[in-house]
Each structure stands twice: as structure tokens, then as C-alpha cells.
């Protein structure tokens, strides 16, 4: 049992902000939603980076065949 109960007028319960981001009924559901959000954000970042590289290579006038090979390497990373 907590040794502070009964020694103070109030008890503060601090909760990590990450749990405020989901409207879930259970811990497992909240973790699953947070994981899905993380995966989506990572995939979005990869797609965004791939597009930046593709545009940069186009500006350098590198042939499309070379571009596709480089972009394919990014996809497998």
C-alpha cells in the first residue's frame, strides 16, 4: 500500500499524456491504436522522403531507369 495515503490532504495521480490520445476501453486497444498510428507515421515519412529523392534526382536530370533503381533501394530499406 502507498505510504503517502493519510499523510496528505490530497493524492495526485499523474498519467502519461500518450494515454490521453486514444479513446479506448482497454489498455490493449489503446496500445494497438498507438502502434497503428506509429506505423502510419513511419510509412508516411518514408513515402515523403522517397518523393523528395525522386524530385531531387529529376532535377539532376538523372535517367528514369536510374531513378527507379535508387527509389527501389529506398523501398526495401
C-alpha atoms as a PDB file:
ATOM      1  CA  UNK A   1       0.000   0.000   0.000  1.00  0.00           C
ATOM      2  CA  UNK A   2       1.178   3.548  -0.700  1.00  0.00           C
ATOM      3  CA  UNK A   3       2.899   5.076   2.324  1.00  0.00           C
ATOM      4  CA  UNK A   4       1.582   8.553   1.494  1.00  0.00           C
ATOM      5  CA  UNK A   5      -2.123   7.725   1.982  1.00  0.00           C
ATOM      6  CA  UNK A   6      -3.409   9.539   5.042  1.00  0.00           C
ATOM      7  CA  UNK A   7      -0.348  11.799   5.335  1.00  0.00           C
ATOM      8  CA  UNK A   8      -1.530  14.500   2.907  1.00  0.00           C
ATOM      9  CA  UNK A   9      -4.826  16.267   2.163  1.00  0.00           C
ATOM     10  CA  UNK A  10      -4.835  15.123  -1.452  1.00  0.00           C
ATOM     11  CA  UNK A  11      -3.301  12.496  -3.679  1.00  0.00           C
ATOM     12  CA  UNK A  12      -2.191  13.341  -7.219  1.00  0.00           C
ATOM     13  CA  UNK A  13      -2.303  10.718  -9.915  1.00  0.00           C
ATOM     14  CA  UNK A  14      -0.039  11.562 -12.837  1.00  0.00           C
ATOM     15  CA  UNK A  15      -0.870   9.926 -16.141  1.00  0.00           C
ATOM     16  CA  UNK A  16       1.340   9.897 -19.210  1.00  0.00           C
ATOM     17  CA  UNK A  17      -0.075  12.184 -21.946  1.00  0.00           C
ATOM     18  CA  UNK A  18       0.172   9.384 -24.506  1.00  0.00           C
ATOM     19  CA  UNK A  19      -2.856   7.732 -22.906  1.00  0.00           C
ATOM     20  CA  UNK A  20      -4.928  10.895 -23.492  1.00  0.00           C
ATOM     21  CA  UNK A  21      -4.575  10.461 -27.251  1.00  0.00           C
ATOM     22  CA  UNK A  22      -6.856   7.449 -27.514  1.00  0.00           C
ATOM     23  CA  UNK A  23     -10.473   6.920 -26.628  1.00  0.00           C
ATOM     24  CA  UNK A  24     -10.166   3.232 -25.796  1.00  0.00           C
ATOM     25  CA  UNK A  25     -11.981   0.883 -23.467  1.00  0.00           C
ATOM     26  CA  UNK A  26      -8.923  -1.229 -22.621  1.00  0.00           C
ATOM     27  CA  UNK A  27      -5.163  -0.920 -22.370  1.00  0.00           C
ATOM     28  CA  UNK A  28      -4.701  -3.430 -25.191  1.00  0.00           C
ATOM     29  CA  UNK A  29      -6.952  -1.414 -27.508  1.00  0.00           C
ATOM     30  CA  UNK A  30      -5.087   1.810 -26.647  1.00  0.00           C
ATOM     31  CA  UNK A  31      -1.700   0.200 -27.302  1.00  0.00           C
ATOM     32  CA  UNK A  32      -2.960  -1.224 -30.597  1.00  0.00           C
ATOM     33  CA  UNK A  33      -4.203   2.222 -31.717  1.00  0.00           C
ATOM     34  CA  UNK A  34      -0.933   3.881 -30.699  1.00  0.00           C
ATOM     35  CA  UNK A  35       1.038   1.222 -32.587  1.00  0.00           C
ATOM     36  CA  UNK A  36      -1.109   1.699 -35.714  1.00  0.00           C
ATOM     37  CA  UNK A  37      -0.555   5.462 -35.511  1.00  0.00           C
ATOM     38  CA  UNK A  38       3.194   4.937 -35.183  1.00  0.00           C
ATOM     39  CA  UNK A  39       3.313   2.616 -38.193  1.00  0.00           C
ATOM     40  CA  UNK A  40       1.247   5.069 -40.254  1.00  0.00           C
ATOM     41  CA  UNK A  41       3.561   7.963 -39.329  1.00  0.00           C
ATOM     42  CA  UNK A  42       6.680   5.976 -40.207  1.00  0.00           C
ATOM     43  CA  UNK A  43       5.229   4.880 -43.550  1.00  0.00           C
ATOM     44  CA  UNK A  44       4.165   8.463 -44.303  1.00  0.00           C
ATOM     45  CA  UNK A  45       7.711   9.678 -43.556  1.00  0.00           C
ATOM     46  CA  UNK A  46       9.210   7.030 -45.845  1.00  0.00           C
ATOM     47  CA  UNK A  47       6.823   7.935 -48.670  1.00  0.00           C
ATOM     48  CA  UNK A  48       7.547  11.620 -48.178  1.00  0.00           C
ATOM     49  CA  UNK A  49      11.322  11.004 -48.235  1.00  0.00           C
ATOM     50  CA  UNK A  50      11.005   8.833 -51.326  1.00  0.00           C
ATOM     51  CA  UNK A  51       9.141  11.640 -53.117  1.00  0.00           C
ATOM     52  CA  UNK A  52      11.830  14.176 -52.126  1.00  0.00           C
ATOM     53  CA  UNK A  53      14.566  11.910 -53.510  1.00  0.00           C
ATOM     54  CA  UNK A  54      12.592  11.298 -56.702  1.00  0.00           C
ATOM     55  CA  UNK A  55      12.157  15.048 -57.286  1.00  0.00           C
ATOM     56  CA  UNK A  56      15.816  15.744 -56.481  1.00  0.00           C
ATOM     57  CA  UNK A  57      17.007  13.116 -58.941  1.00  0.00           C
ATOM     58  CA  UNK A  58      14.669  14.513 -61.602  1.00  0.00           C
ATOM     59  CA  UNK A  59      16.169  17.974 -61.063  1.00  0.00           C
ATOM     60  CA  UNK A  60      19.631  16.471 -61.596  1.00  0.00           C
ATOM     61  CA  UNK A  61      18.372  15.027 -64.895  1.00  0.00           C
ATOM     62  CA  UNK A  62      19.319  11.507 -63.930  1.00  0.00           C
ATOM     63  CA  UNK A  63      17.647   8.966 -66.216  1.00  0.00           C
ATOM     64  CA  UNK A  64      14.360   7.423 -65.149  1.00  0.00           C
ATOM     65  CA  UNK A  65      15.892   3.932 -65.081  1.00  0.00           C
ATOM     66  CA  UNK A  66      18.467   5.116 -62.548  1.00  0.00           C
ATOM     67  CA  UNK A  67      15.780   6.884 -60.543  1.00  0.00           C
ATOM     68  CA  UNK A  68      13.662   3.765 -60.317  1.00  0.00           C
ATOM     69  CA  UNK A  69      16.650   1.679 -59.195  1.00  0.00           C
ATOM     70  CA  UNK A  70      17.523   4.188 -56.461  1.00  0.00           C
ATOM     71  CA  UNK A  71      13.911   4.534 -55.336  1.00  0.00           C
ATOM     72  CA  UNK A  72      13.512   0.753 -55.255  1.00  0.00           C
ATOM     73  CA  UNK A  73      16.506   0.593 -52.943  1.00  0.00           C
ATOM     74  CA  UNK A  74      14.782   3.133 -50.667  1.00  0.00           C
ATOM     75  CA  UNK A  75      11.627   0.997 -50.630  1.00  0.00           C
ATOM     76  CA  UNK A  76      13.486  -2.097 -49.475  1.00  0.00           C
ATOM     77  CA  UNK A  77      15.344  -0.239 -46.718  1.00  0.00           C
END
